[in-house]
Amino acid sequence: MTASATTRQFESGSAGALLRHWRDLRGKSQLDLALDAGVSQKHISFVESGRSQPSRQMVVDLAEALEVPLRERNAILLAAGYAPHYSDAALDAPSLSRISKALQRMLKQNEPFPAVVMDRYWNVMLANDAAPLFFGCFINLAAWPAPRNLLHLTFDPSGLRPFVVDWRATSRMLLARVYREALGHVIDPGTRQLLEELGQYPDVDIRRRALDTDASSPMIPLTFTKDGVSLSYFSLITTVGTPLTITAQELRLECMIPADDETERIHAEFVARHARERNSGTDGRSRPRP
């Protein structure tokens, strides 16, 4: 189903139609879903056809069995005539203070290597001190207003792209990650829009069949080069286990870890040298975009 069709369905569909949509996405029969949710197949059939109005608890149970993301579960509840069940509080809200503090600790613990917290669309929400210092070695971050999108920052020819080794393979790897890590394993309208925006950059093919990557490697490094120095990293990704809020479910903590001993050895010196050059105005980086 296309992104536009999915959007229309979520704007105007009944609860039964939305549940049927997710059941189709998961490749489950009504019997499969009935067994997983502990209800009768007949009842599911009646709900999907609109002949029966599901209770609030049934909507929650069916959505849980279908592994529907929390934001979309709220949409199904609204379509069924019920108030949203899952909070969408901001990360700095008191109710999320424990998660926020835990993320801040993890960001700090990854120093001196970069680490960021992103939402489901790769927008950076939090970062440790090392992240802007490292990325600032390559580009003028002042030209990129917050919230910065890590994929746009990487794909834009005026961003990190000129410094990425083997750009063609790396871009395919990153796009494959977008598909693989899409929340609920579904390309929702927001993710589709992000992919389409990335596809506007030169020499970027967002078609899924064009993104085959080498699955034999336990990790895919991201290597940067500047002034004859190459630094290789891989990502360690952390998500919130059993999230109870939309915000928590959509968070992703990404830590850049040195992929080899040489990168670990020279990382700090590389960052410090370019910080000195930046402060003295001799780094030669691109000036802010108009």
Protein backbone atom coordinates (compact mmCIF):
# COMPACT_ATOMS: atom_id res chain seq x y z
CA MET A 1 0.00 0.00 0.00
CA THR A 2 1.32 3.46 -0.87
CA ALA A 3 2.03 6.14 1.72
CA SER A 4 -0.82 8.32 0.40
CA ALA A 5 -3.25 5.41 0.62
CA THR A 6 -2.13 4.69 4.16
CA THR A 7 -2.59 8.35 5.10
CA ARG A 8 -6.11 8.44 3.66
CA GLN A 9 -7.01 5.25 5.49
CA PHE A 10 -5.83 6.62 8.82
CA GLU A 11 -7.66 9.88 8.27
CA SER A 12 -11.03 8.39 7.32
CA GLY A 13 -10.96 4.68 8.10
CA SER A 14 -13.01 2.92 10.73
CA ALA A 15 -11.36 1.05 13.56
CA GLY A 16 -12.20 -2.22 11.81
CA ALA A 17 -10.61 -1.05 8.56
CA LEU A 18 -7.47 0.05 10.37
CA LEU A 19 -7.17 -3.25 12.21
CA ARG A 20 -7.65 -5.10 8.92
CA HIS A 21 -4.93 -2.90 7.40
CA TRP A 22 -2.44 -3.90 10.11
CA ARG A 23 -3.47 -7.55 9.95
CA ASP A 24 -2.74 -7.52 6.22
CA LEU A 25 0.62 -5.84 6.82
CA ARG A 26 1.55 -8.54 9.31
CA GLY A 27 0.45 -11.30 6.96
CA LYS A 28 -1.91 -12.82 9.50
CA SER A 29 -5.22 -14.51 8.91
CA GLN A 30 -8.21 -13.77 11.10
CA LEU A 31 -7.66 -17.13 12.75
CA ASP A 32 -4.01 -16.30 13.49
CA LEU A 33 -5.03 -13.02 15.07
CA ALA A 34 -7.84 -14.66 17.03
CA LEU A 35 -5.42 -17.18 18.53
CA ASP A 36 -2.84 -14.49 19.37
CA ALA A 37 -5.39 -12.14 20.97
CA GLY A 38 -7.52 -14.78 22.68
CA VAL A 39 -10.79 -13.86 20.96
CA SER A 40 -12.99 -15.63 18.45
CA GLN A 41 -12.36 -15.44 14.72
CA LYS A 42 -16.03 -14.55 14.25
CA HIS A 43 -15.68 -11.55 16.54
CA ILE A 44 -12.68 -10.28 14.58
CA SER A 45 -14.62 -10.71 11.36
CA PHE A 46 -17.50 -8.67 12.76
CA VAL A 47 -15.16 -5.92 13.98
CA GLU A 48 -13.36 -5.64 10.64
CA SER A 49 -16.62 -5.54 8.68
CA GLY A 50 -18.14 -2.93 11.01
CA ARG A 51 -20.90 -5.26 12.18
CA SER A 52 -19.58 -5.12 15.75
CA GLN A 53 -18.21 -2.20 17.76
CA PRO A 54 -15.02 -3.32 19.56
CA SER A 55 -14.57 -2.48 23.21
CA ARG A 56 -11.65 -0.29 24.22
CA GLN A 57 -9.83 -3.31 25.68
CA MET A 58 -10.37 -5.32 22.50
CA VAL A 59 -8.80 -2.56 20.42
CA VAL A 60 -5.81 -2.51 22.76
CA ASP A 61 -5.51 -6.32 22.71
CA LEU A 62 -5.77 -6.63 18.93
CA ALA A 63 -3.29 -3.79 18.37
CA GLU A 64 -0.89 -5.44 20.80
CA ALA A 65 -1.19 -8.78 18.99
CA LEU A 66 -0.50 -7.00 15.69
CA GLU A 67 2.48 -5.08 17.14
CA VAL A 68 0.98 -1.78 16.04
CA PRO A 69 3.18 1.21 17.04
CA LEU A 70 1.74 3.22 19.92
CA ARG A 71 1.03 6.35 17.87
CA GLU A 72 -1.01 4.30 15.40
CA ARG A 73 -2.79 2.52 18.27
CA ASN A 74 -4.08 5.90 19.41
CA ALA A 75 -5.39 6.49 15.88
CA ILE A 76 -7.31 3.20 15.99
CA LEU A 77 -8.74 4.04 19.42
CA LEU A 78 -9.90 7.43 18.13
CA ALA A 79 -11.51 5.78 15.11
CA ALA A 80 -13.36 3.46 17.50
CA GLY A 81 -14.64 6.45 19.50
CA TYR A 82 -12.27 6.17 22.46
CA ALA A 83 -9.78 8.63 23.91
CA PRO A 84 -6.10 8.02 23.15
CA HIS A 85 -4.46 5.63 25.59
CA TYR A 86 -0.76 6.36 25.05
CA SER A 87 0.92 9.59 26.09
CA ASP A 88 2.82 11.72 23.57
CA ALA A 89 4.58 13.89 26.16
CA ALA A 90 7.73 15.80 25.24
CA LEU A 91 11.06 14.29 26.26
CA ASP A 92 11.57 17.03 28.86
CA ALA A 93 8.17 16.38 30.48
CA PRO A 94 8.25 15.34 34.17
CA SER A 95 6.71 11.97 33.30
CA LEU A 96 9.75 11.14 31.16
CA SER A 97 12.39 12.48 33.54
CA ARG A 98 13.82 9.03 34.33
CA ILE A 99 14.19 8.14 30.67
CA SER A 100 15.69 11.56 29.89
CA LYS A 101 18.24 11.25 32.70
CA ALA A 102 19.16 7.73 31.61
CA LEU A 103 19.72 8.93 28.04
CA GLN A 104 21.88 11.81 29.27
CA ARG A 105 24.02 9.36 31.25
CA MET A 106 24.45 7.08 28.25
CA LEU A 107 25.35 10.02 26.02
CA LYS A 108 28.00 11.12 28.48
CA GLN A 109 29.39 7.61 28.87
CA ASN A 110 30.13 7.42 25.14
CA GLU A 111 32.54 10.36 25.34
CA PRO A 112 34.91 11.12 23.67
CA PHE A 113 32.99 9.54 20.78
CA PRO A 114 29.80 11.01 19.30
CA ALA A 115 26.36 9.89 20.44
CA VAL A 116 22.91 11.29 19.63
CA VAL A 117 19.28 10.64 20.51
CA MET A 118 16.96 10.73 17.49
CA ASP A 119 13.25 10.48 16.87
CA ARG A 120 11.70 8.03 14.41
CA TYR A 121 12.59 10.31 11.48
CA TRP A 122 16.29 10.71 12.37
CA ASN A 123 15.90 14.22 13.82
CA VAL A 124 18.50 14.79 16.55
CA MET A 125 16.86 15.55 19.89
CA LEU A 126 19.86 15.23 22.22
CA ALA A 127 23.60 14.91 21.69
CA ASN A 128 26.68 14.54 23.83
CA ASP A 129 29.46 17.16 23.71
CA ALA A 130 31.53 14.99 21.39
CA ALA A 131 28.95 14.95 18.58
CA PRO A 132 29.12 18.62 17.50
CA LEU A 133 32.88 18.64 18.06
CA PHE A 134 33.32 15.67 15.72
CA PHE A 135 30.87 16.71 12.99
CA GLY A 136 32.24 20.24 13.25
CA CYS A 137 35.56 18.90 12.02
CA PHE A 138 33.96 18.48 8.60
CA ILE A 139 31.18 21.06 8.26
CA ASN A 140 29.99 24.31 9.76
CA LEU A 141 27.11 23.15 11.94
CA ALA A 142 25.89 26.74 12.26
CA ALA A 143 24.63 26.38 8.69
CA TRP A 144 22.27 23.62 9.83
CA PRO A 145 19.54 24.90 12.16
CA ALA A 146 18.19 22.59 14.84
CA PRO A 147 16.63 20.13 14.91
CA ARG A 148 19.24 18.65 12.62
CA ASN A 149 18.35 15.57 10.65
CA LEU A 150 21.24 13.13 10.65
CA LEU A 151 20.37 11.68 7.24
CA HIS A 152 20.05 15.06 5.54
CA LEU A 153 23.32 16.06 7.21
CA THR A 154 24.97 12.99 5.68
CA PHE A 155 23.35 12.94 2.23
CA ASP A 156 23.59 16.63 1.37
CA PRO A 157 26.61 17.34 -0.89
CA SER A 158 27.22 20.48 1.19
CA GLY A 159 27.17 18.38 4.37
CA LEU A 160 29.13 15.31 5.41
CA ARG A 161 28.82 13.50 2.09
CA PRO A 162 32.16 14.66 0.55
CA PHE A 163 33.99 13.24 3.57
CA VAL A 164 32.35 9.79 3.55
CA VAL A 165 34.48 7.00 2.13
CA ASP A 166 32.77 4.83 -0.52
CA TRP A 167 29.71 7.05 -0.58
CA ARG A 168 27.70 4.84 -2.92
CA ALA A 169 27.91 1.77 -0.67
CA THR A 170 27.44 3.83 2.48
CA SER A 171 24.33 5.58 1.17
CA ARG A 172 22.77 2.22 0.25
CA MET A 173 23.56 0.94 3.73
CA LEU A 174 21.95 3.96 5.39
CA LEU A 175 18.83 3.79 3.22
CA ALA A 176 18.54 0.06 3.91
CA ARG A 177 18.62 0.94 7.61
CA VAL A 178 15.72 3.36 7.12
CA TYR A 179 13.62 0.51 5.71
CA ARG A 180 14.84 -2.04 8.23
CA GLU A 181 14.43 0.15 11.31
CA ALA A 182 11.12 1.80 10.35
CA LEU A 183 8.90 1.75 13.42
CA GLY A 184 6.62 -1.25 13.33
CA HIS A 185 8.52 -2.39 10.20
CA VAL A 186 6.16 -0.23 8.16
CA ILE A 187 7.04 2.71 5.91
CA ASP A 188 4.61 5.27 7.28
CA PRO A 189 3.90 8.60 5.52
CA GLY A 190 6.57 10.46 7.51
CA THR A 191 9.24 7.92 6.66
CA ARG A 192 8.14 7.93 3.02
CA GLN A 193 8.45 11.72 2.94
CA LEU A 194 11.96 11.49 4.41
CA LEU A 195 12.97 8.94 1.77
CA GLU A 196 11.56 11.10 -1.01
CA GLU A 197 13.48 14.12 0.29
CA LEU A 198 16.71 12.11 0.36
CA GLY A 199 15.98 10.95 -3.16
CA GLN A 200 16.18 14.57 -4.34
CA TYR A 201 19.93 14.63 -3.69
CA PRO A 202 22.13 13.72 -6.70
CA ASP A 203 22.96 10.05 -7.27
CA VAL A 204 20.62 8.75 -4.56
CA ASP A 205 18.34 5.81 -5.39
CA ILE A 206 15.73 5.20 -2.68
CA ARG A 207 14.15 2.17 -4.35
CA ARG A 208 14.28 -0.73 -1.93
CA ARG A 209 15.43 -3.24 -4.53
CA ALA A 210 18.48 -1.06 -5.20
CA LEU A 211 19.65 -1.27 -1.58
CA ASP A 212 21.07 -4.79 -1.33
CA THR A 213 23.92 -4.80 1.18
CA ASP A 214 26.44 -7.35 2.32
CA ALA A 215 24.67 -9.26 5.09
CA SER A 216 27.76 -11.36 5.82
CA SER A 217 29.43 -8.58 7.84
CA PRO A 218 28.52 -8.31 11.55
CA MET A 219 28.77 -4.53 11.24
CA ILE A 220 28.88 -1.95 8.48
CA PRO A 221 31.42 0.78 9.26
CA LEU A 222 30.94 4.44 8.44
CA THR A 223 34.31 5.86 7.45
CA PHE A 224 35.18 9.55 7.21
CA THR A 225 38.31 11.00 5.67
CA LYS A 226 39.90 14.43 5.78
CA ASP A 227 43.43 15.71 5.26
CA GLY A 228 44.67 12.20 4.57
CA VAL A 229 43.25 10.82 7.84
CA SER A 230 40.56 8.11 7.81
CA LEU A 231 38.40 7.27 10.82
CA SER A 232 36.00 4.29 10.87
CA TYR A 233 33.06 3.82 13.21
CA PHE A 234 30.03 1.58 13.59
CA SER A 235 26.76 2.34 15.33
CA LEU A 236 25.53 0.87 18.58
CA ILE A 237 21.78 1.49 18.71
CA THR A 238 19.72 1.44 21.90
CA THR A 239 15.94 1.63 22.18
CA VAL A 240 13.65 1.79 25.21
CA GLY A 241 12.49 -1.68 26.18
CA THR A 242 8.72 -2.19 26.57
CA PRO A 243 7.90 1.51 26.06
CA LEU A 244 4.64 2.80 27.51
CA THR A 245 4.62 6.20 25.81
CA ILE A 246 4.81 7.23 22.17
CA THR A 247 7.87 9.39 22.79
CA ALA A 248 9.78 6.57 24.46
CA GLN A 249 8.94 4.10 21.71
CA GLU A 250 10.12 6.45 18.96
CA LEU A 251 13.47 7.32 20.58
CA ARG A 252 16.71 5.80 19.34
CA LEU A 253 20.11 6.34 20.99
CA GLU A 254 22.92 5.95 18.48
CA CYS A 255 26.50 5.72 19.73
CA MET A 256 29.42 5.87 17.32
CA ILE A 257 32.03 3.28 18.32
CA PRO A 258 35.53 3.05 16.78
CA ALA A 259 35.62 0.19 14.29
CA ASP A 260 39.37 -0.32 14.61
CA ASP A 261 42.27 0.37 16.96
CA GLU A 262 43.69 3.14 14.77
CA THR A 263 40.48 5.17 14.91
CA GLU A 264 40.30 4.76 18.67
CA ARG A 265 43.91 5.93 18.97
CA ILE A 266 43.72 9.05 16.78
CA HIS A 267 40.11 10.18 17.30
CA ALA A 268 40.75 12.62 20.17
CA GLU A 269 43.81 14.18 18.53
CA PHE A 270 41.95 14.60 15.21
CA VAL A 271 39.04 16.38 16.90
CA ALA A 272 41.32 18.57 19.03
CA ARG A 273 43.44 19.61 16.04
CA HIS A 274 40.45 20.64 13.99
CA ALA A 275 38.95 22.48 16.95
CA ARG A 276 42.15 24.53 17.19
CA GLU A 277 42.07 25.22 13.45
CA ARG A 278 38.39 26.16 13.64
CA ASN A 279 39.03 28.60 16.47
CA SER A 280 41.94 30.16 14.58
CA GLY A 281 39.88 30.40 11.37
CA THR A 282 42.24 28.20 9.32
CA ASP A 283 40.21 25.04 8.95
CA GLY A 284 39.04 25.76 5.40
CA ARG A 285 35.53 24.43 5.95
CA SER A 286 32.59 25.52 3.87
CA ARG A 287 30.95 28.70 5.06
CA PRO A 288 27.24 28.73 6.05
CA ARG A 289 24.77 28.23 3.23
CA PRO A 290 22.84 31.34 2.19
